[in-house]
């Protein structure tokens, strides 16, 4: 291989390391409902999805997020549209923490002979679908660094969804527009998540007074979320994944009143918070 080409490839490799947002991508493919010939056609999909997320620079302003991404694709069948085989599936995208998005109705075609590349202008069902969720995960992660920091990523997700809804592959894109809008308007959850992650950093630095301040902001955000959007599934998932850590910090800080507030805001785990309250009183 010529030295110039080798140097170029090496440069691209290091650019992706420096500026890519995803640190690791774990892809699971469930193709049990496909015929053997259909399975053969997607044999490279797992690696193509992984490389797609790792090798795309998703945001120039956040180059060191080191996000762990988990993707599960569950194939339900194949339909023919002209000369194209259209794959119908469900999918799950998660950061392995408090961000999780389940899609019940995905539809795309896939050509194993070419690598996946996201074009922000030319809409393609599979790359648009993957990029949509890449930006949703990024939005949630960036929101934990600055208030409303994920706005740009949410807007990019919405733009992809709008183009998808006006394409020849409309299935599911209306729901994805709604999902972005719901995430964007749940300002209480966004405030709560930022305050929670700030409190974790402050706790590690032993700034306990500031930890309590941020935890109060978190509680206010959760209350705002419930008042504005009700028992939103994403707020519930945030509480489910973080309740034990929240309670442990409040126990260490001796914050009985804040535990009582959590008990009222998170009724699914009332007994757990009551036990935490009693552990302080003993």
C-alpha atoms as a PDB file:
ATOM      1  CA  UNK A   1       0.000   0.000   0.000  1.00  0.00           C
ATOM      2  CA  UNK A   2       1.424   3.457  -0.917  1.00  0.00           C
ATOM      3  CA  UNK A   3       2.715   5.480   2.030  1.00  0.00           C
ATOM      4  CA  UNK A   4       0.378   8.380   1.243  1.00  0.00           C
ATOM      5  CA  UNK A   5      -2.694   6.126   1.429  1.00  0.00           C
ATOM      6  CA  UNK A   6      -1.416   4.466   4.593  1.00  0.00           C
ATOM      7  CA  UNK A   7      -0.822   7.829   6.263  1.00  0.00           C
ATOM      8  CA  UNK A   8      -4.298   8.963   5.254  1.00  0.00           C
ATOM      9  CA  UNK A   9      -5.958   5.870   6.753  1.00  0.00           C
ATOM     10  CA  UNK A  10      -3.951   6.219   9.959  1.00  0.00           C
ATOM     11  CA  UNK A  11      -4.969   9.878  10.188  1.00  0.00           C
ATOM     12  CA  UNK A  12      -8.647   8.971   9.784  1.00  0.00           C
ATOM     13  CA  UNK A  13      -8.283   6.312  12.474  1.00  0.00           C
ATOM     14  CA  UNK A  14      -6.850   8.758  14.989  1.00  0.00           C
ATOM     15  CA  UNK A  15      -9.395  11.445  14.107  1.00  0.00           C
ATOM     16  CA  UNK A  16     -12.153   8.978  14.964  1.00  0.00           C
ATOM     17  CA  UNK A  17     -10.472   8.154  18.273  1.00  0.00           C
ATOM     18  CA  UNK A  18     -10.123  11.828  19.144  1.00  0.00           C
ATOM     19  CA  UNK A  19     -13.526  13.045  18.012  1.00  0.00           C
ATOM     20  CA  UNK A  20     -15.892  10.086  18.060  1.00  0.00           C
ATOM     21  CA  UNK A  21     -18.462  10.197  20.828  1.00  0.00           C
ATOM     22  CA  UNK A  22     -19.018   6.470  21.313  1.00  0.00           C
ATOM     23  CA  UNK A  23     -16.334   4.560  23.207  1.00  0.00           C
ATOM     24  CA  UNK A  24     -17.813   1.094  22.742  1.00  0.00           C
ATOM     25  CA  UNK A  25     -20.761  -0.319  20.826  1.00  0.00           C
ATOM     26  CA  UNK A  26     -22.308  -3.667  21.735  1.00  0.00           C
ATOM     27  CA  UNK A  27     -24.683  -4.917  19.019  1.00  0.00           C
ATOM     28  CA  UNK A  28     -26.992  -7.914  19.409  1.00  0.00           C
ATOM     29  CA  UNK A  29     -28.889  -9.298  16.428  1.00  0.00           C
ATOM     30  CA  UNK A  30     -31.900 -11.593  16.894  1.00  0.00           C
ATOM     31  CA  UNK A  31     -32.659 -13.146  13.499  1.00  0.00           C
ATOM     32  CA  UNK A  32     -34.515 -16.274  14.615  1.00  0.00           C
ATOM     33  CA  UNK A  33     -37.644 -15.339  12.648  1.00  0.00           C
ATOM     34  CA  UNK A  34     -35.744 -14.959   9.362  1.00  0.00           C
ATOM     35  CA  UNK A  35     -35.198 -17.668   6.773  1.00  0.00           C
ATOM     36  CA  UNK A  36     -31.660 -18.942   6.246  1.00  0.00           C
ATOM     37  CA  UNK A  37     -31.177 -16.966   3.010  1.00  0.00           C
ATOM     38  CA  UNK A  38     -32.443 -13.805   4.736  1.00  0.00           C
ATOM     39  CA  UNK A  39     -30.041 -14.373   7.632  1.00  0.00           C
ATOM     40  CA  UNK A  40     -27.157 -14.721   5.199  1.00  0.00           C
ATOM     41  CA  UNK A  41     -27.891 -11.306   3.687  1.00  0.00           C
ATOM     42  CA  UNK A  42     -27.473  -9.554   7.054  1.00  0.00           C
ATOM     43  CA  UNK A  43     -24.401 -11.470   8.228  1.00  0.00           C
ATOM     44  CA  UNK A  44     -22.298  -8.271   8.159  1.00  0.00           C
ATOM     45  CA  UNK A  45     -24.924  -6.010   9.718  1.00  0.00           C
ATOM     46  CA  UNK A  46     -23.631  -6.331  13.277  1.00  0.00           C
ATOM     47  CA  UNK A  47     -20.148  -5.060  12.409  1.00  0.00           C
ATOM     48  CA  UNK A  48     -21.525  -2.452  10.024  1.00  0.00           C
ATOM     49  CA  UNK A  49     -23.704  -0.959  12.790  1.00  0.00           C
ATOM     50  CA  UNK A  50     -20.811  -0.990  15.241  1.00  0.00           C
ATOM     51  CA  UNK A  51     -18.472   0.760  12.806  1.00  0.00           C
ATOM     52  CA  UNK A  52     -21.188   3.236  11.859  1.00  0.00           C
ATOM     53  CA  UNK A  53     -21.483   4.517  15.426  1.00  0.00           C
ATOM     54  CA  UNK A  54     -17.761   4.407  16.183  1.00  0.00           C
ATOM     55  CA  UNK A  55     -16.509   6.001  12.984  1.00  0.00           C
ATOM     56  CA  UNK A  56     -18.952   8.891  12.703  1.00  0.00           C
ATOM     57  CA  UNK A  57     -18.170  12.244  14.320  1.00  0.00           C
ATOM     58  CA  UNK A  58     -21.557  13.121  15.749  1.00  0.00           C
ATOM     59  CA  UNK A  59     -20.796  16.421  17.499  1.00  0.00           C
ATOM     60  CA  UNK A  60     -17.770  18.668  17.016  1.00  0.00           C
ATOM     61  CA  UNK A  61     -18.184  20.290  20.436  1.00  0.00           C
ATOM     62  CA  UNK A  62     -18.197  17.121  22.551  1.00  0.00           C
ATOM     63  CA  UNK A  63     -15.280  14.894  21.628  1.00  0.00           C
ATOM     64  CA  UNK A  64     -14.610  13.066  24.889  1.00  0.00           C
ATOM     65  CA  UNK A  65     -17.959  11.660  26.002  1.00  0.00           C
ATOM     66  CA  UNK A  66     -16.803   8.009  25.842  1.00  0.00           C
ATOM     67  CA  UNK A  67     -20.361   6.682  25.640  1.00  0.00           C
ATOM     68  CA  UNK A  68     -21.009   2.961  25.921  1.00  0.00           C
ATOM     69  CA  UNK A  69     -23.809   2.113  23.512  1.00  0.00           C
ATOM     70  CA  UNK A  70     -25.924  -1.035  23.507  1.00  0.00           C
ATOM     71  CA  UNK A  71     -28.017  -1.879  20.452  1.00  0.00           C
ATOM     72  CA  UNK A  72     -30.394  -4.794  20.043  1.00  0.00           C
ATOM     73  CA  UNK A  73     -32.120  -5.479  16.722  1.00  0.00           C
ATOM     74  CA  UNK A  74     -34.959  -8.038  16.694  1.00  0.00           C
ATOM     75  CA  UNK A  75     -35.993  -9.019  13.173  1.00  0.00           C
ATOM     76  CA  UNK A  76     -39.644  -9.858  12.607  1.00  0.00           C
ATOM     77  CA  UNK A  77     -39.658 -10.591   8.879  1.00  0.00           C
ATOM     78  CA  UNK A  78     -38.991  -9.374   5.360  1.00  0.00           C
ATOM     79  CA  UNK A  79     -41.334  -7.849   2.795  1.00  0.00           C
ATOM     80  CA  UNK A  80     -40.630  -7.108  -0.839  1.00  0.00           C
ATOM     81  CA  UNK A  81     -40.918  -3.601  -2.243  1.00  0.00           C
ATOM     82  CA  UNK A  82     -40.076  -3.732  -5.914  1.00  0.00           C
ATOM     83  CA  UNK A  83     -36.590  -5.224  -6.137  1.00  0.00           C
ATOM     84  CA  UNK A  84     -35.779  -4.381  -2.511  1.00  0.00           C
ATOM     85  CA  UNK A  85     -36.005  -6.616   0.533  1.00  0.00           C
ATOM     86  CA  UNK A  86     -37.425  -4.551   3.375  1.00  0.00           C
ATOM     87  CA  UNK A  87     -36.534  -5.740   6.876  1.00  0.00           C
ATOM     88  CA  UNK A  88     -39.100  -5.222   9.623  1.00  0.00           C
ATOM     89  CA  UNK A  89     -37.802  -5.207  13.160  1.00  0.00           C
ATOM     90  CA  UNK A  90     -37.923  -3.890  16.690  1.00  0.00           C
ATOM     91  CA  UNK A  91     -34.900  -2.264  18.303  1.00  0.00           C
ATOM     92  CA  UNK A  92     -33.512  -1.177  21.636  1.00  0.00           C
ATOM     93  CA  UNK A  93     -30.885   1.536  22.158  1.00  0.00           C
ATOM     94  CA  UNK A  94     -29.326   2.192  25.564  1.00  0.00           C
ATOM     95  CA  UNK A  95     -26.291   3.727  27.221  1.00  0.00           C
ATOM     96  CA  UNK A  96     -26.384   1.001  29.847  1.00  0.00           C
ATOM     97  CA  UNK A  97     -27.468   3.543  32.463  1.00  0.00           C
ATOM     98  CA  UNK A  98     -30.585   5.724  32.545  1.00  0.00           C
ATOM     99  CA  UNK A  99     -31.133   6.230  28.808  1.00  0.00           C
ATOM    100  CA  UNK A 100     -33.127   3.559  27.008  1.00  0.00           C
ATOM    101  CA  UNK A 101     -35.246   3.800  23.873  1.00  0.00           C
ATOM    102  CA  UNK A 102     -37.338   0.947  22.512  1.00  0.00           C
ATOM    103  CA  UNK A 103     -38.598   1.140  18.929  1.00  0.00           C
ATOM    104  CA  UNK A 104     -41.488  -1.178  18.057  1.00  0.00           C
ATOM    105  CA  UNK A 105     -41.692  -0.547  14.324  1.00  0.00           C
ATOM    106  CA  UNK A 106     -38.490  -0.121  12.311  1.00  0.00           C
ATOM    107  CA  UNK A 107     -38.245  -0.704   8.586  1.00  0.00           C
ATOM    108  CA  UNK A 108     -35.218  -0.520   6.296  1.00  0.00           C
ATOM    109  CA  UNK A 109     -33.350  -2.165   3.445  1.00  0.00           C
ATOM    110  CA  UNK A 110     -29.731  -3.257   3.803  1.00  0.00           C
ATOM    111  CA  UNK A 111     -26.987  -3.954   1.280  1.00  0.00           C
ATOM    112  CA  UNK A 112     -24.162  -5.943   2.831  1.00  0.00           C
ATOM    113  CA  UNK A 113     -21.750  -5.032   0.056  1.00  0.00           C
ATOM    114  CA  UNK A 114     -21.403  -1.387   1.108  1.00  0.00           C
ATOM    115  CA  UNK A 115     -20.529   0.190   4.461  1.00  0.00           C
ATOM    116  CA  UNK A 116     -23.042   2.343   6.300  1.00  0.00           C
ATOM    117  CA  UNK A 117     -22.493   6.064   5.919  1.00  0.00           C
ATOM    118  CA  UNK A 118     -24.696   8.815   7.297  1.00  0.00           C
ATOM    119  CA  UNK A 119     -25.538  11.584   4.870  1.00  0.00           C
ATOM    120  CA  UNK A 120     -27.318  14.486   6.628  1.00  0.00           C
ATOM    121  CA  UNK A 121     -28.887  15.533   3.328  1.00  0.00           C
ATOM    122  CA  UNK A 122     -29.761  12.283   1.541  1.00  0.00           C
ATOM    123  CA  UNK A 123     -32.175  10.216   3.650  1.00  0.00           C
ATOM    124  CA  UNK A 124     -31.707   6.452   3.790  1.00  0.00           C
ATOM    125  CA  UNK A 125     -33.875   4.331   6.095  1.00  0.00           C
ATOM    126  CA  UNK A 126     -31.181   2.374   7.934  1.00  0.00           C
ATOM    127  CA  UNK A 127     -28.610   5.127   8.431  1.00  0.00           C
ATOM    128  CA  UNK A 128     -31.350   7.632   9.250  1.00  0.00           C
ATOM    129  CA  UNK A 129     -32.779   5.220  11.809  1.00  0.00           C
ATOM    130  CA  UNK A 130     -29.413   4.614  13.486  1.00  0.00           C
ATOM    131  CA  UNK A 131     -28.412   8.296  13.378  1.00  0.00           C
ATOM    132  CA  UNK A 132     -31.742   9.305  14.920  1.00  0.00           C
ATOM    133  CA  UNK A 133     -31.024   7.210  18.016  1.00  0.00           C
ATOM    134  CA  UNK A 134     -27.361   8.200  18.068  1.00  0.00           C
ATOM    135  CA  UNK A 135     -28.441  11.819  18.478  1.00  0.00           C
ATOM    136  CA  UNK A 136     -31.056  10.921  21.113  1.00  0.00           C
ATOM    137  CA  UNK A 137     -28.422   9.156  23.211  1.00  0.00           C
ATOM    138  CA  UNK A 138     -26.015  12.053  22.677  1.00  0.00           C
ATOM    139  CA  UNK A 139     -28.684  14.552  23.745  1.00  0.00           C
ATOM    140  CA  UNK A 140     -29.228  12.719  27.006  1.00  0.00           C
ATOM    141  CA  UNK A 141     -25.507  12.443  27.700  1.00  0.00           C
ATOM    142  CA  UNK A 142     -24.752  16.082  26.872  1.00  0.00           C
ATOM    143  CA  UNK A 143     -27.660  17.200  29.081  1.00  0.00           C
ATOM    144  CA  UNK A 144     -25.664  15.880  32.056  1.00  0.00           C
ATOM    145  CA  UNK A 145     -22.862  18.374  31.350  1.00  0.00           C
ATOM    146  CA  UNK A 146     -24.825  21.586  30.850  1.00  0.00           C
ATOM    147  CA  UNK A 147     -28.451  22.667  31.090  1.00  0.00           C
ATOM    148  CA  UNK A 148     -30.240  22.016  27.787  1.00  0.00           C
ATOM    149  CA  UNK A 149     -26.894  21.071  26.287  1.00  0.00           C
ATOM    150  CA  UNK A 150     -28.589  18.346  24.268  1.00  0.00           C
ATOM    151  CA  UNK A 151     -30.878  20.742  22.384  1.00  0.00           C
ATOM    152  CA  UNK A 152     -28.865  20.591  19.169  1.00  0.00           C
ATOM    153  CA  UNK A 153     -28.790  16.786  19.169  1.00  0.00           C
ATOM    154  CA  UNK A 154     -32.538  16.641  19.821  1.00  0.00           C
ATOM    155  CA  UNK A 155     -33.128  18.996  16.927  1.00  0.00           C
ATOM    156  CA  UNK A 156     -30.982  16.825  14.648  1.00  0.00           C
ATOM    157  CA  UNK A 157     -33.007  13.764  15.694  1.00  0.00           C
ATOM    158  CA  UNK A 158     -36.214  15.620  14.943  1.00  0.00           C
ATOM    159  CA  UNK A 159     -34.932  16.717  11.540  1.00  0.00           C
ATOM    160  CA  UNK A 160     -34.105  13.104  10.659  1.00  0.00           C
ATOM    161  CA  UNK A 161     -37.569  12.013  11.808  1.00  0.00           C
ATOM    162  CA  UNK A 162     -39.250  14.692   9.687  1.00  0.00           C
ATOM    163  CA  UNK A 163     -37.331  13.576   6.612  1.00  0.00           C
ATOM    164  CA  UNK A 164     -38.174   9.972   7.394  1.00  0.00           C
ATOM    165  CA  UNK A 165     -41.878  10.775   7.699  1.00  0.00           C
ATOM    166  CA  UNK A 166     -41.876  12.348   4.233  1.00  0.00           C
ATOM    167  CA  UNK A 167     -39.876   9.528   2.614  1.00  0.00           C
ATOM    168  CA  UNK A 168     -41.066   6.327   0.950  1.00  0.00           C
ATOM    169  CA  UNK A 169     -40.329   4.528   4.219  1.00  0.00           C
ATOM    170  CA  UNK A 170     -42.690   6.330   6.591  1.00  0.00           C
ATOM    171  CA  UNK A 171     -43.283   3.494   9.044  1.00  0.00           C
ATOM    172  CA  UNK A 172     -42.514   4.513  12.625  1.00  0.00           C
ATOM    173  CA  UNK A 173     -41.255   8.010  11.914  1.00  0.00           C
ATOM    174  CA  UNK A 174     -44.371   9.767  13.209  1.00  0.00           C
ATOM    175  CA  UNK A 175     -43.831   8.095  16.586  1.00  0.00           C
ATOM    176  CA  UNK A 176     -40.186   9.144  16.537  1.00  0.00           C
ATOM    177  CA  UNK A 177     -41.161  12.784  16.005  1.00  0.00           C
ATOM    178  CA  UNK A 178     -43.456  12.478  19.033  1.00  0.00           C
ATOM    179  CA  UNK A 179     -40.670  10.895  21.092  1.00  0.00           C
ATOM    180  CA  UNK A 180     -38.284  13.800  20.421  1.00  0.00           C
ATOM    181  CA  UNK A 181     -40.978  16.333  21.234  1.00  0.00           C
ATOM    182  CA  UNK A 182     -41.816  14.549  24.500  1.00  0.00           C
ATOM    183  CA  UNK A 183     -38.166  14.376  25.555  1.00  0.00           C
ATOM    184  CA  UNK A 184     -37.654  18.022  24.681  1.00  0.00           C
ATOM    185  CA  UNK A 185     -40.648  19.268  26.665  1.00  0.00           C
ATOM    186  CA  UNK A 186     -39.881  17.192  29.767  1.00  0.00           C
ATOM    187  CA  UNK A 187     -37.742  19.984  31.163  1.00  0.00           C
ATOM    188  CA  UNK A 188     -38.167  18.721  34.711  1.00  0.00           C
ATOM    189  CA  UNK A 189     -36.416  15.446  33.921  1.00  0.00           C
ATOM    190  CA  UNK A 190     -33.653  17.252  32.052  1.00  0.00           C
ATOM    191  CA  UNK A 191     -33.064  19.507  35.069  1.00  0.00           C
ATOM    192  CA  UNK A 192     -33.160  16.518  37.423  1.00  0.00           C
ATOM    193  CA  UNK A 193     -30.645  14.494  35.414  1.00  0.00           C
ATOM    194  CA  UNK A 194     -28.179  17.389  35.228  1.00  0.00           C
ATOM    195  CA  UNK A 195     -28.455  18.046  38.966  1.00  0.00           C
ATOM    196  CA  UNK A 196     -28.058  14.340  39.763  1.00  0.00           C
ATOM    197  CA  UNK A 197     -24.857  13.931  37.769  1.00  0.00           C
ATOM    198  CA  UNK A 198     -23.461  17.169  39.166  1.00  0.00           C
ATOM    199  CA  UNK A 199     -24.214  15.903  42.667  1.00  0.00           C
ATOM    200  CA  UNK A 200     -22.292  12.688  41.958  1.00  0.00           C
ATOM    201  CA  UNK A 201     -19.204  14.682  40.943  1.00  0.00           C
ATOM    202  CA  UNK A 202     -19.534  16.928  43.988  1.00  0.00           C
ATOM    203  CA  UNK A 203     -19.977  13.923  46.267  1.00  0.00           C
ATOM    204  CA  UNK A 204     -16.765  12.382  44.961  1.00  0.00           C
ATOM    205  CA  UNK A 205     -15.044  15.707  45.699  1.00  0.00           C
ATOM    206  CA  UNK A 206     -16.579  15.803  49.215  1.00  0.00           C
ATOM    207  CA  UNK A 207     -18.430  19.091  48.582  1.00  0.00           C
ATOM    208  CA  UNK A 208     -21.367  17.992  50.717  1.00  0.00           C
ATOM    209  CA  UNK A 209     -23.184  21.323  51.025  1.00  0.00           C
ATOM    210  CA  UNK A 210     -23.249  21.649  47.251  1.00  0.00           C
ATOM    211  CA  UNK A 211     -24.324  18.020  46.921  1.00  0.00           C
ATOM    212  CA  UNK A 212     -27.421  18.776  48.996  1.00  0.00           C
ATOM    213  CA  UNK A 213     -28.140  21.859  46.880  1.00  0.00           C
ATOM    214  CA  UNK A 214     -28.006  19.828  43.684  1.00  0.00           C
ATOM    215  CA  UNK A 215     -30.132  17.039  45.144  1.00  0.00           C
ATOM    216  CA  UNK A 216     -32.769  19.624  46.047  1.00  0.00           C
ATOM    217  CA  UNK A 217     -32.669  20.851  42.444  1.00  0.00           C
ATOM    218  CA  UNK A 218     -33.042  17.250  41.290  1.00  0.00           C
ATOM    219  CA  UNK A 219     -36.130  16.800  43.470  1.00  0.00           C
ATOM    220  CA  UNK A 220     -37.619  20.032  42.174  1.00  0.00           C
ATOM    221  CA  UNK A 221     -36.995  18.839  38.626  1.00  0.00           C
ATOM    222  CA  UNK A 222     -38.714  15.517  39.290  1.00  0.00           C
ATOM    223  CA  UNK A 223     -41.703  17.306  40.792  1.00  0.00           C
ATOM    224  CA  UNK A 224     -41.856  19.609  37.761  1.00  0.00           C
ATOM    225  CA  UNK A 225     -41.748  16.560  35.479  1.00  0.00           C
ATOM    226  CA  UNK A 226     -44.677  14.918  37.254  1.00  0.00           C
ATOM    227  CA  UNK A 227     -46.697  18.132  37.210  1.00  0.00           C
ATOM    228  CA  UNK A 228     -46.070  18.826  33.505  1.00  0.00           C
ATOM    229  CA  UNK A 229     -46.026  15.395  31.879  1.00  0.00           C
ATOM    230  CA  UNK A 230     -47.359  12.976  34.519  1.00  0.00           C
ATOM    231  CA  UNK A 231     -45.758   9.574  35.080  1.00  0.00           C
ATOM    232  CA  UNK A 232     -43.539   9.773  32.009  1.00  0.00           C
ATOM    233  CA  UNK A 233     -41.802   6.476  31.211  1.00  0.00           C
ATOM    234  CA  UNK A 234     -38.385   8.109  30.830  1.00  0.00           C
ATOM    235  CA  UNK A 235     -38.652   9.799  34.230  1.00  0.00           C
ATOM    236  CA  UNK A 236     -39.695   6.468  35.715  1.00  0.00           C
ATOM    237  CA  UNK A 237     -36.714   4.763  34.145  1.00  0.00           C
ATOM    238  CA  UNK A 238     -34.382   7.441  35.518  1.00  0.00           C
ATOM    239  CA  UNK A 239     -35.754   6.738  38.992  1.00  0.00           C
ATOM    240  CA  UNK A 240     -35.576   2.976  38.564  1.00  0.00           C
ATOM    241  CA  UNK A 241     -31.921   2.994  37.528  1.00  0.00           C
ATOM    242  CA  UNK A 242     -30.728   5.606  40.036  1.00  0.00           C
ATOM    243  CA  UNK A 243     -32.936   5.167  43.111  1.00  0.00           C
ATOM    244  CA  UNK A 244     -30.467   2.988  45.017  1.00  0.00           C
ATOM    245  CA  UNK A 245     -27.567   5.397  44.463  1.00  0.00           C
ATOM    246  CA  UNK A 246     -29.745   8.382  45.370  1.00  0.00           C
ATOM    247  CA  UNK A 247     -30.887   6.730  48.585  1.00  0.00           C
ATOM    248  CA  UNK A 248     -27.349   5.677  49.550  1.00  0.00           C
ATOM    249  CA  UNK A 249     -26.068   9.237  49.214  1.00  0.00           C
ATOM    250  CA  UNK A 250     -29.004  10.635  51.174  1.00  0.00           C
ATOM    251  CA  UNK A 251     -28.408   8.054  53.913  1.00  0.00           C
ATOM    252  CA  UNK A 252     -24.734   9.022  54.141  1.00  0.00           C
ATOM    253  CA  UNK A 253     -25.756  12.672  54.355  1.00  0.00           C
ATOM    254  CA  UNK A 254     -28.445  11.924  56.943  1.00  0.00           C
ATOM    255  CA  UNK A 255     -31.093  13.627  54.801  1.00  0.00           C
ATOM    256  CA  UNK A 256     -34.343  12.187  56.176  1.00  0.00           C
ATOM    257  CA  UNK A 257     -36.491  14.965  54.714  1.00  0.00           C
ATOM    258  CA  UNK A 258     -35.091  14.467  51.211  1.00  0.00           C
ATOM    259  CA  UNK A 259     -35.682  10.724  51.496  1.00  0.00           C
ATOM    260  CA  UNK A 260     -39.297  11.470  52.444  1.00  0.00           C
ATOM    261  CA  UNK A 261     -39.548  13.643  49.333  1.00  0.00           C
ATOM    262  CA  UNK A 262     -38.162  10.804  47.211  1.00  0.00           C
ATOM    263  CA  UNK A 263     -40.687   8.469  48.789  1.00  0.00           C
ATOM    264  CA  UNK A 264     -43.551  10.668  47.610  1.00  0.00           C
ATOM    265  CA  UNK A 265     -42.053  11.292  44.163  1.00  0.00           C
ATOM    266  CA  UNK A 266     -41.182   7.659  43.511  1.00  0.00           C
ATOM    267  CA  UNK A 267     -44.158   5.639  44.821  1.00  0.00           C
ATOM    268  CA  UNK A 268     -43.014   2.453  43.064  1.00  0.00           C
ATOM    269  CA  UNK A 269     -40.190   2.229  45.609  1.00  0.00           C
ATOM    270  CA  UNK A 270     -41.927   3.585  48.724  1.00  0.00           C
ATOM    271  CA  UNK A 271     -40.894   0.647  50.906  1.00  0.00           C
ATOM    272  CA  UNK A 272     -37.282   0.978  49.807  1.00  0.00           C
ATOM    273  CA  UNK A 273     -37.174   4.674  50.782  1.00  0.00           C
ATOM    274  CA  UNK A 274     -38.952   3.931  54.064  1.00  0.00           C
ATOM    275  CA  UNK A 275     -36.265   1.379  54.906  1.00  0.00           C
ATOM    276  CA  UNK A 276     -33.640   4.000  54.070  1.00  0.00           C
ATOM    277  CA  UNK A 277     -35.337   6.510  56.397  1.00  0.00           C
ATOM    278  CA  UNK A 278     -35.475   3.959  59.190  1.00  0.00           C
ATOM    279  CA  UNK A 279     -31.793   3.105  58.739  1.00  0.00           C
ATOM    280  CA  UNK A 280     -30.921   6.727  59.610  1.00  0.00           C
ATOM    281  CA  UNK A 281     -33.229   6.796  62.609  1.00  0.00           C
ATOM    282  CA  UNK A 282     -31.775   3.639  64.171  1.00  0.00           C
END
